[in-house]
């Protein structure tokens, strides 16, 4: 029983293909290689192009009458969306830069406030020193012998 052949549809199809190719191949190659075939194929392609153009024109008119977008309309809208997206990205970058500058401005304001406080503190301490010096000067004017010490103190302060 092992000598029995099984049915193989693929081998049958392959044999059929080879037979058809051997029979029709040379005839078709001969016909395709002629000038007449080339002219005929050119006319077929021209007819196909004309049909395609008419179909495109009719489709466009139909879509316009039905108030539906054409391929060109969709491409235009797509381009506008892309441009809008780029503008939004640019605006986001500008906004982020502005926010960063504002943050640094806030920090600068805080630094200025603390600097003003320090200057006020220094000013009040200078007022105390000046008041002290005025009191000492008044004392020295009332007491002539301490005048020499006061003159030396004023020289050191200047």
N, C-alpha and C. Protein backbone atom coordinates (compact mmCIF):
# COMPACT_ATOMS: atom_id res chain seq x y z
N UNK A 1 0.79 -1.18 0.00
CA UNK A 1 0.00 0.00 0.00
C UNK A 1 0.84 1.25 0.00
N UNK A 2 2.05 1.19 0.41
CA UNK A 2 2.90 2.36 0.45
C UNK A 2 3.30 2.80 -0.95
N UNK A 3 3.16 1.93 -1.96
CA UNK A 3 3.50 2.28 -3.34
C UNK A 3 2.38 3.08 -4.01
N UNK A 4 1.26 3.22 -3.41
CA UNK A 4 0.14 3.94 -3.99
C UNK A 4 0.40 5.44 -3.94
N UNK A 5 0.07 6.16 -5.03
CA UNK A 5 0.24 7.61 -5.07
C UNK A 5 -0.99 8.28 -4.48
N UNK A 6 -0.73 9.34 -3.72
CA UNK A 6 -1.84 10.13 -3.18
C UNK A 6 -2.14 11.26 -4.14
N UNK A 7 -3.35 11.75 -4.07
CA UNK A 7 -3.78 12.83 -4.94
C UNK A 7 -3.14 14.13 -4.46
N UNK A 8 -2.40 14.85 -5.37
CA UNK A 8 -1.73 16.10 -5.04
C UNK A 8 -2.24 17.21 -5.96
N UNK A 9 -3.17 18.05 -5.49
CA UNK A 9 -3.73 19.10 -6.35
C UNK A 9 -2.68 20.14 -6.74
N UNK A 10 -1.71 20.39 -5.89
CA UNK A 10 -0.68 21.37 -6.22
C UNK A 10 0.17 20.90 -7.40
N UNK A 11 0.54 19.64 -7.43
CA UNK A 11 1.34 19.10 -8.54
C UNK A 11 0.53 19.15 -9.83
N UNK A 12 -0.78 18.88 -9.75
CA UNK A 12 -1.63 18.94 -10.94
C UNK A 12 -1.71 20.38 -11.46
N UNK A 13 -1.85 21.34 -10.57
CA UNK A 13 -1.91 22.75 -10.97
C UNK A 13 -0.58 23.19 -11.57
N UNK A 14 0.52 22.74 -11.00
CA UNK A 14 1.84 23.10 -11.50
C UNK A 14 2.04 22.54 -12.92
N UNK A 15 1.63 21.31 -13.16
CA UNK A 15 1.74 20.73 -14.50
C UNK A 15 0.88 21.51 -15.49
N UNK A 16 -0.33 21.87 -15.10
CA UNK A 16 -1.22 22.65 -15.97
C UNK A 16 -0.57 23.99 -16.31
N UNK A 17 0.01 24.67 -15.33
CA UNK A 17 0.64 25.97 -15.55
C UNK A 17 1.80 25.84 -16.54
N UNK A 18 2.64 24.84 -16.37
CA UNK A 18 3.77 24.65 -17.28
C UNK A 18 3.29 24.37 -18.69
N UNK A 19 2.25 23.56 -18.87
CA UNK A 19 1.73 23.25 -20.20
C UNK A 19 1.16 24.50 -20.88
N UNK A 20 0.40 25.29 -20.14
CA UNK A 20 -0.18 26.51 -20.71
C UNK A 20 0.93 27.49 -21.06
N UNK A 21 1.91 27.62 -20.20
CA UNK A 21 3.03 28.54 -20.45
C UNK A 21 3.80 28.11 -21.70
N UNK A 22 4.05 26.85 -21.83
CA UNK A 22 4.79 26.36 -23.00
C UNK A 22 3.98 26.57 -24.29
N UNK A 23 2.67 26.44 -24.23
CA UNK A 23 1.83 26.58 -25.42
C UNK A 23 1.61 28.05 -25.78
N UNK A 24 1.17 28.86 -24.81
CA UNK A 24 0.80 30.24 -25.10
C UNK A 24 1.95 31.23 -24.97
N UNK A 25 2.98 30.94 -24.21
CA UNK A 25 4.09 31.87 -23.98
C UNK A 25 4.72 32.42 -25.25
N UNK A 26 5.19 31.57 -26.15
CA UNK A 26 5.82 32.09 -27.36
C UNK A 26 4.84 32.90 -28.23
N UNK A 27 3.59 32.49 -28.32
CA UNK A 27 2.61 33.21 -29.15
C UNK A 27 2.34 34.60 -28.56
N UNK A 28 2.20 34.67 -27.26
CA UNK A 28 1.94 35.96 -26.62
C UNK A 28 3.15 36.86 -26.73
N UNK A 29 4.34 36.35 -26.52
CA UNK A 29 5.55 37.15 -26.65
C UNK A 29 5.69 37.71 -28.06
N UNK A 30 5.36 36.91 -29.04
CA UNK A 30 5.44 37.36 -30.43
C UNK A 30 4.44 38.49 -30.68
N UNK A 31 3.23 38.37 -30.17
CA UNK A 31 2.18 39.36 -30.39
C UNK A 31 2.49 40.66 -29.64
N UNK A 32 2.99 40.54 -28.41
CA UNK A 32 3.29 41.71 -27.59
C UNK A 32 4.45 42.50 -28.19
N UNK A 33 5.33 41.89 -28.86
CA UNK A 33 6.51 42.55 -29.42
C UNK A 33 6.23 43.32 -30.70
N UNK A 34 5.01 43.35 -31.20
CA UNK A 34 4.73 44.03 -32.47
C UNK A 34 4.37 45.49 -32.23
N UNK A 35 4.49 46.28 -33.30
CA UNK A 35 4.15 47.71 -33.28
C UNK A 35 2.65 47.89 -33.09
N UNK A 36 1.87 47.04 -33.70
CA UNK A 36 0.41 47.13 -33.60
C UNK A 36 -0.05 47.00 -32.15
N UNK A 37 0.56 46.07 -31.43
CA UNK A 37 0.19 45.89 -30.03
C UNK A 37 0.54 47.13 -29.22
N UNK A 38 1.70 47.72 -29.49
CA UNK A 38 2.12 48.93 -28.78
C UNK A 38 1.14 50.07 -29.03
N UNK A 39 0.70 50.23 -30.28
CA UNK A 39 -0.28 51.28 -30.61
C UNK A 39 -1.60 51.00 -29.88
N UNK A 40 -2.04 49.77 -29.93
CA UNK A 40 -3.30 49.40 -29.26
C UNK A 40 -3.21 49.66 -27.75
N UNK A 41 -2.06 49.28 -27.13
CA UNK A 41 -1.88 49.49 -25.69
C UNK A 41 -1.86 50.98 -25.37
N UNK A 42 -1.26 51.80 -26.23
CA UNK A 42 -1.27 53.25 -26.04
C UNK A 42 -2.69 53.80 -26.05
N UNK A 43 -3.52 53.31 -26.97
CA UNK A 43 -4.92 53.76 -27.05
C UNK A 43 -5.69 53.33 -25.80
N UNK A 44 -5.43 52.12 -25.35
CA UNK A 44 -6.10 51.64 -24.14
C UNK A 44 -5.71 52.52 -22.94
N UNK A 45 -4.44 52.87 -22.82
CA UNK A 45 -4.00 53.71 -21.72
C UNK A 45 -4.59 55.12 -21.82
N UNK A 46 -4.68 55.67 -23.03
CA UNK A 46 -5.30 56.98 -23.22
C UNK A 46 -6.77 56.94 -22.83
N UNK A 47 -7.46 55.86 -23.23
CA UNK A 47 -8.87 55.69 -22.85
C UNK A 47 -9.02 55.58 -21.34
N UNK A 48 -8.12 54.86 -20.72
CA UNK A 48 -8.16 54.71 -19.27
C UNK A 48 -7.93 56.06 -18.58
N UNK A 49 -6.99 56.85 -19.11
CA UNK A 49 -6.72 58.17 -18.55
C UNK A 49 -7.93 59.08 -18.71
N UNK A 50 -8.54 59.06 -19.88
CA UNK A 50 -9.73 59.87 -20.12
C UNK A 50 -10.87 59.46 -19.19
N UNK A 51 -11.07 58.17 -19.01
CA UNK A 51 -12.09 57.68 -18.09
C UNK A 51 -11.80 58.15 -16.66
N UNK A 52 -10.56 58.08 -16.28
CA UNK A 52 -10.16 58.50 -14.93
C UNK A 52 -10.43 59.99 -14.73
N UNK A 53 -10.07 60.80 -15.73
CA UNK A 53 -10.30 62.24 -15.63
C UNK A 53 -11.80 62.55 -15.54
N UNK A 54 -12.59 61.89 -16.34
CA UNK A 54 -14.04 62.11 -16.30
C UNK A 54 -14.62 61.68 -14.96
N UNK A 55 -14.15 60.57 -14.46
CA UNK A 55 -14.62 60.09 -13.17
C UNK A 55 -14.26 61.07 -12.06
N UNK A 56 -13.04 61.57 -12.08
CA UNK A 56 -12.60 62.54 -11.07
C UNK A 56 -13.44 63.82 -11.14
N UNK A 57 -13.69 64.29 -12.38
CA UNK A 57 -14.47 65.51 -12.56
C UNK A 57 -15.90 65.31 -12.06
N UNK A 58 -16.51 64.19 -12.43
CA UNK A 58 -17.88 63.91 -12.00
C UNK A 58 -17.97 63.74 -10.48
N UNK A 59 -16.99 63.08 -9.92
CA UNK A 59 -16.97 62.89 -8.47
C UNK A 59 -16.86 64.22 -7.76
N UNK A 60 -15.99 65.09 -8.28
CA UNK A 60 -15.81 66.41 -7.67
C UNK A 60 -17.10 67.22 -7.75
N UNK A 61 -17.76 67.19 -8.91
CA UNK A 61 -19.02 67.91 -9.06
C UNK A 61 -20.09 67.35 -8.12
N UNK A 62 -20.15 66.05 -8.01
CA UNK A 62 -21.12 65.42 -7.11
C UNK A 62 -20.87 65.84 -5.66
N UNK A 63 -19.61 65.79 -5.26
CA UNK A 63 -19.29 66.15 -3.88
C UNK A 63 -19.61 67.62 -3.61
N UNK A 64 -19.35 68.48 -4.58
CA UNK A 64 -19.68 69.90 -4.41
C UNK A 64 -21.19 70.09 -4.29
N UNK A 65 -21.97 69.39 -5.12
CA UNK A 65 -23.42 69.52 -5.07
C UNK A 65 -23.98 68.97 -3.76
N UNK A 66 -23.36 67.93 -3.24
CA UNK A 66 -23.82 67.33 -1.98
C UNK A 66 -23.22 68.05 -0.77
N UNK A 67 -22.42 69.08 -1.04
CA UNK A 67 -21.77 69.87 0.01
C UNK A 67 -20.87 68.99 0.89
N UNK A 68 -20.10 68.13 0.24
CA UNK A 68 -19.15 67.26 0.92
C UNK A 68 -17.73 67.67 0.52
N UNK A 69 -16.76 67.48 1.39
CA UNK A 69 -15.39 67.90 1.05
C UNK A 69 -14.72 66.95 0.05
N UNK A 70 -13.91 67.55 -0.81
CA UNK A 70 -13.13 66.76 -1.77
C UNK A 70 -11.78 66.44 -1.14
N UNK A 71 -11.00 65.67 -1.84
CA UNK A 71 -9.66 65.33 -1.36
C UNK A 71 -8.82 66.58 -1.19
N UNK A 72 -8.95 67.52 -2.13
CA UNK A 72 -8.20 68.78 -2.05
C UNK A 72 -8.64 69.59 -0.83
N UNK A 73 -9.95 69.59 -0.57
CA UNK A 73 -10.46 70.31 0.60
C UNK A 73 -9.88 69.72 1.89
N UNK A 74 -9.87 68.41 1.96
CA UNK A 74 -9.33 67.75 3.15
C UNK A 74 -7.83 68.02 3.30
N UNK A 75 -7.11 68.02 2.18
CA UNK A 75 -5.68 68.32 2.22
C UNK A 75 -5.45 69.76 2.68
N UNK A 76 -6.28 70.68 2.21
CA UNK A 76 -6.17 72.08 2.63
C UNK A 76 -6.44 72.23 4.11
N UNK A 77 -7.49 71.58 4.59
CA UNK A 77 -7.82 71.65 6.02
C UNK A 77 -6.70 71.02 6.84
N UNK A 78 -6.16 69.93 6.37
CA UNK A 78 -5.05 69.27 7.07
C UNK A 78 -3.86 70.21 7.17
N UNK A 79 -3.55 70.89 6.08
CA UNK A 79 -2.44 71.85 6.08
C UNK A 79 -2.70 72.98 7.07
N UNK A 80 -3.93 73.48 7.09
CA UNK A 80 -4.28 74.55 8.03
C UNK A 80 -4.15 74.07 9.48
N UNK A 81 -4.56 72.85 9.74
CA UNK A 81 -4.46 72.30 11.09
C UNK A 81 -3.00 72.18 11.51
N UNK A 82 -2.16 71.72 10.60
CA UNK A 82 -0.74 71.60 10.90
C UNK A 82 -0.15 72.97 11.21
N UNK A 83 -0.49 73.97 10.39
CA UNK A 83 0.02 75.33 10.63
C UNK A 83 -0.48 75.86 11.97
N UNK A 84 -1.74 75.61 12.29
CA UNK A 84 -2.31 76.04 13.55
C UNK A 84 -1.61 75.36 14.73
N UNK A 85 -1.33 74.08 14.58
CA UNK A 85 -0.64 73.33 15.62
C UNK A 85 0.76 73.92 15.86
N UNK A 86 1.45 74.29 14.79
CA UNK A 86 2.77 74.89 14.94
C UNK A 86 2.68 76.24 15.65
N UNK A 87 1.66 77.02 15.30
CA UNK A 87 1.49 78.32 15.97
C UNK A 87 1.18 78.13 17.45
N UNK A 88 0.37 77.14 17.78
CA UNK A 88 0.05 76.86 19.18
C UNK A 88 1.32 76.44 19.93
N UNK A 89 2.15 75.61 19.29
CA UNK A 89 3.40 75.21 19.92
C UNK A 89 4.29 76.43 20.18
N UNK A 90 4.36 77.33 19.21
CA UNK A 90 5.16 78.55 19.38
C UNK A 90 4.62 79.40 20.52
N UNK A 91 3.30 79.51 20.58
CA UNK A 91 2.68 80.30 21.66
C UNK A 91 2.94 79.65 23.02
N UNK A 92 2.90 78.33 23.08
CA UNK A 92 3.19 77.63 24.34
C UNK A 92 4.62 77.92 24.79
N UNK A 93 5.56 77.91 23.84
CA UNK A 93 6.95 78.19 24.18
C UNK A 93 7.08 79.62 24.70
N UNK A 94 6.42 80.57 24.03
CA UNK A 94 6.47 81.96 24.47
C UNK A 94 5.86 82.10 25.86
N UNK A 95 4.76 81.41 26.10
CA UNK A 95 4.10 81.47 27.40
C UNK A 95 5.01 80.90 28.49
N UNK A 96 5.67 79.79 28.19
CA UNK A 96 6.58 79.19 29.16
C UNK A 96 7.74 80.14 29.46
N UNK A 97 8.29 80.77 28.40
CA UNK A 97 9.38 81.73 28.61
C UNK A 97 8.89 82.90 29.44
N UNK A 98 7.70 83.36 29.16
CA UNK A 98 7.12 84.47 29.91
C UNK A 98 6.93 84.08 31.37
N UNK A 99 6.45 82.87 31.60
CA UNK A 99 6.26 82.39 32.97
C UNK A 99 7.59 82.31 33.70
N UNK A 100 8.62 81.82 33.01
CA UNK A 100 9.94 81.74 33.62
C UNK A 100 10.45 83.12 33.98
N UNK A 101 10.26 84.10 33.09
CA UNK A 101 10.67 85.47 33.36
C UNK A 101 9.88 86.04 34.53
N UNK A 102 8.59 85.73 34.58
CA UNK A 102 7.75 86.22 35.67
C UNK A 102 8.22 85.64 36.99
N UNK A 103 8.58 84.38 36.98
CA UNK A 103 9.09 83.74 38.19
C UNK A 103 10.37 84.42 38.64
N UNK A 104 11.25 84.72 37.69
CA UNK A 104 12.49 85.39 38.06
C UNK A 104 12.18 86.82 38.50
N UNK A 105 11.14 87.46 37.97
CA UNK A 105 10.73 88.79 38.39
C UNK A 105 10.21 88.74 39.81
N UNK A 106 9.44 87.71 40.14
CA UNK A 106 8.95 87.55 41.50
C UNK A 106 10.11 87.38 42.47
N UNK A 107 11.09 86.61 42.10
CA UNK A 107 12.26 86.42 42.95
C UNK A 107 13.01 87.74 43.10
N UNK A 108 13.09 88.50 42.02
CA UNK A 108 13.75 89.80 42.06
C UNK A 108 13.00 90.75 42.99
N UNK A 109 11.67 90.72 42.94
CA UNK A 109 10.86 91.56 43.84
C UNK A 109 11.13 91.19 45.29
N UNK A 110 11.19 89.90 45.59
CA UNK A 110 11.47 89.46 46.95
C UNK A 110 12.85 89.95 47.40
N UNK A 111 13.83 89.84 46.50
CA UNK A 111 15.17 90.32 46.83
C UNK A 111 15.18 91.81 47.09
N UNK A 112 14.41 92.56 46.28
CA UNK A 112 14.34 94.02 46.47
C UNK A 112 13.71 94.37 47.81
N UNK A 113 12.65 93.65 48.19
CA UNK A 113 11.99 93.89 49.47
C UNK A 113 12.96 93.64 50.62
N UNK A 114 13.68 92.52 50.55
CA UNK A 114 14.63 92.21 51.62
C UNK A 114 15.77 93.23 51.64
N UNK A 115 16.20 93.70 50.48
CA UNK A 115 17.25 94.71 50.40
C UNK A 115 16.76 96.02 51.02
N UNK A 116 15.52 96.40 50.75
CA UNK A 116 14.95 97.62 51.35
C UNK A 116 14.92 97.51 52.87
N UNK A 117 14.55 96.34 53.38
CA UNK A 117 14.53 96.14 54.83
C UNK A 117 15.93 96.31 55.42
N UNK A 118 16.92 95.74 54.75
CA UNK A 118 18.29 95.84 55.22
C UNK A 118 18.77 97.29 55.20
N UNK A 119 18.40 98.02 54.13
CA UNK A 119 18.80 99.43 54.03
C UNK A 119 18.13 100.23 55.13
N UNK A 120 16.87 99.96 55.45
CA UNK A 120 16.17 100.65 56.54
C UNK A 120 16.84 100.37 57.88
N UNK A 121 17.23 99.09 58.07
CA UNK A 121 17.92 98.73 59.31
C UNK A 121 19.24 99.47 59.43
N UNK A 122 19.98 99.52 58.33
CA UNK A 122 21.27 100.24 58.33
C UNK A 122 21.02 101.72 58.59
N UNK A 123 19.96 102.27 57.95
CA UNK A 123 19.63 103.69 58.15
C UNK A 123 19.28 103.98 59.60
N UNK A 124 18.52 103.10 60.23
CA UNK A 124 18.15 103.33 61.64
C UNK A 124 19.38 103.23 62.53
N UNK A 125 20.29 102.33 62.22
CA UNK A 125 21.53 102.22 63.01
C UNK A 125 22.39 103.46 62.83
N UNK A 126 22.43 104.00 61.60
CA UNK A 126 23.18 105.23 61.36
C UNK A 126 22.54 106.40 62.12
N UNK A 127 21.22 106.42 62.17
CA UNK A 127 20.52 107.46 62.94
C UNK A 127 20.92 107.38 64.40
N UNK A 128 20.99 106.15 64.92
CA UNK A 128 21.40 105.97 66.31
C UNK A 128 22.82 106.47 66.52
N UNK A 129 23.70 106.14 65.57
CA UNK A 129 25.09 106.59 65.68
C UNK A 129 25.15 108.11 65.61
N UNK A 130 24.41 108.74 64.70
CA UNK A 130 24.41 110.20 64.58
C UNK A 130 23.83 110.84 65.83
N UNK A 131 22.76 110.28 66.34
CA UNK A 131 22.19 110.80 67.58
C UNK A 131 23.19 110.71 68.73
N UNK A 132 23.87 109.59 68.79
CA UNK A 132 24.89 109.41 69.82
C UNK A 132 25.99 110.46 69.67
N UNK A 133 26.44 110.67 68.42
CA UNK A 133 27.49 111.65 68.18
C UNK A 133 27.03 113.07 68.53
N UNK A 134 25.79 113.38 68.20
CA UNK A 134 25.26 114.71 68.53
C UNK A 134 25.22 114.91 70.04
N UNK A 135 24.80 113.88 70.76
CA UNK A 135 24.77 113.96 72.23
C UNK A 135 26.17 114.16 72.78
N UNK A 136 27.11 113.45 72.21
CA UNK A 136 28.50 113.58 72.66
C UNK A 136 29.04 114.97 72.35
N UNK A 137 28.65 115.50 71.19
CA UNK A 137 29.11 116.84 70.81
C UNK A 137 28.52 117.88 71.75
N UNK A 138 27.24 117.69 72.08
CA UNK A 138 26.60 118.62 73.02
C UNK A 138 27.27 118.53 74.39
N UNK A 139 27.62 117.36 74.79
CA UNK A 139 28.29 117.17 76.07
C UNK A 139 29.65 117.84 76.05
N UNK A 140 30.33 117.70 74.92
CA UNK A 140 31.67 118.28 74.83
C UNK A 140 31.60 119.80 74.77
N UNK A 141 30.55 120.33 74.15
CA UNK A 141 30.39 121.79 74.13
C UNK A 141 30.10 122.29 75.54
N UNK A 142 29.37 121.58 76.32
CA UNK A 142 29.08 121.93 77.70
C UNK A 142 30.31 121.71 78.57
N UNK A 143 31.11 120.74 78.25
CA UNK A 143 32.32 120.40 79.00
C UNK A 143 33.52 120.67 78.11
N UNK A 144 34.23 121.79 78.27
CA UNK A 144 35.32 122.14 77.37
C UNK A 144 36.52 121.21 77.45
N UNK A 145 36.78 120.56 78.50
CA UNK A 145 37.99 119.75 78.57
C UNK A 145 37.85 118.46 77.77
N UNK A 146 36.66 117.94 77.50
CA UNK A 146 36.47 116.73 76.72
C UNK A 146 36.41 117.05 75.24
N UNK A 147 36.66 118.33 74.86
CA UNK A 147 36.59 118.78 73.49
C UNK A 147 37.65 118.12 72.62
N UNK A 148 38.83 117.92 73.13
CA UNK A 148 39.91 117.31 72.35
C UNK A 148 39.59 115.86 72.00
N UNK A 149 39.00 115.15 72.94
CA UNK A 149 38.62 113.75 72.70
C UNK A 149 37.52 113.67 71.62
N UNK A 150 36.62 114.65 71.68
CA UNK A 150 35.52 114.67 70.71
C UNK A 150 36.06 114.94 69.31
N UNK A 151 37.00 115.80 69.14
CA UNK A 151 37.58 116.13 67.84
C UNK A 151 38.24 114.89 67.27
N UNK A 152 38.90 114.13 68.07
CA UNK A 152 39.55 112.90 67.63
C UNK A 152 38.50 111.88 67.23
N UNK A 153 37.39 111.81 67.95
CA UNK A 153 36.32 110.89 67.64
C UNK A 153 35.68 111.23 66.29
N UNK A 154 35.46 112.54 66.04
CA UNK A 154 34.90 112.98 64.78
C UNK A 154 35.83 112.65 63.62
N UNK A 155 37.09 112.78 63.78
CA UNK A 155 38.08 112.49 62.75
C UNK A 155 38.05 111.00 62.42
N UNK A 156 37.88 110.17 63.42
CA UNK A 156 37.83 108.72 63.21
C UNK A 156 36.54 108.32 62.47
N UNK A 157 35.43 109.01 62.73
CA UNK A 157 34.17 108.68 62.11
C UNK A 157 34.20 109.07 60.63
N UNK A 158 34.81 110.20 60.32
CA UNK A 158 34.87 110.66 58.93
C UNK A 158 35.77 109.77 58.16
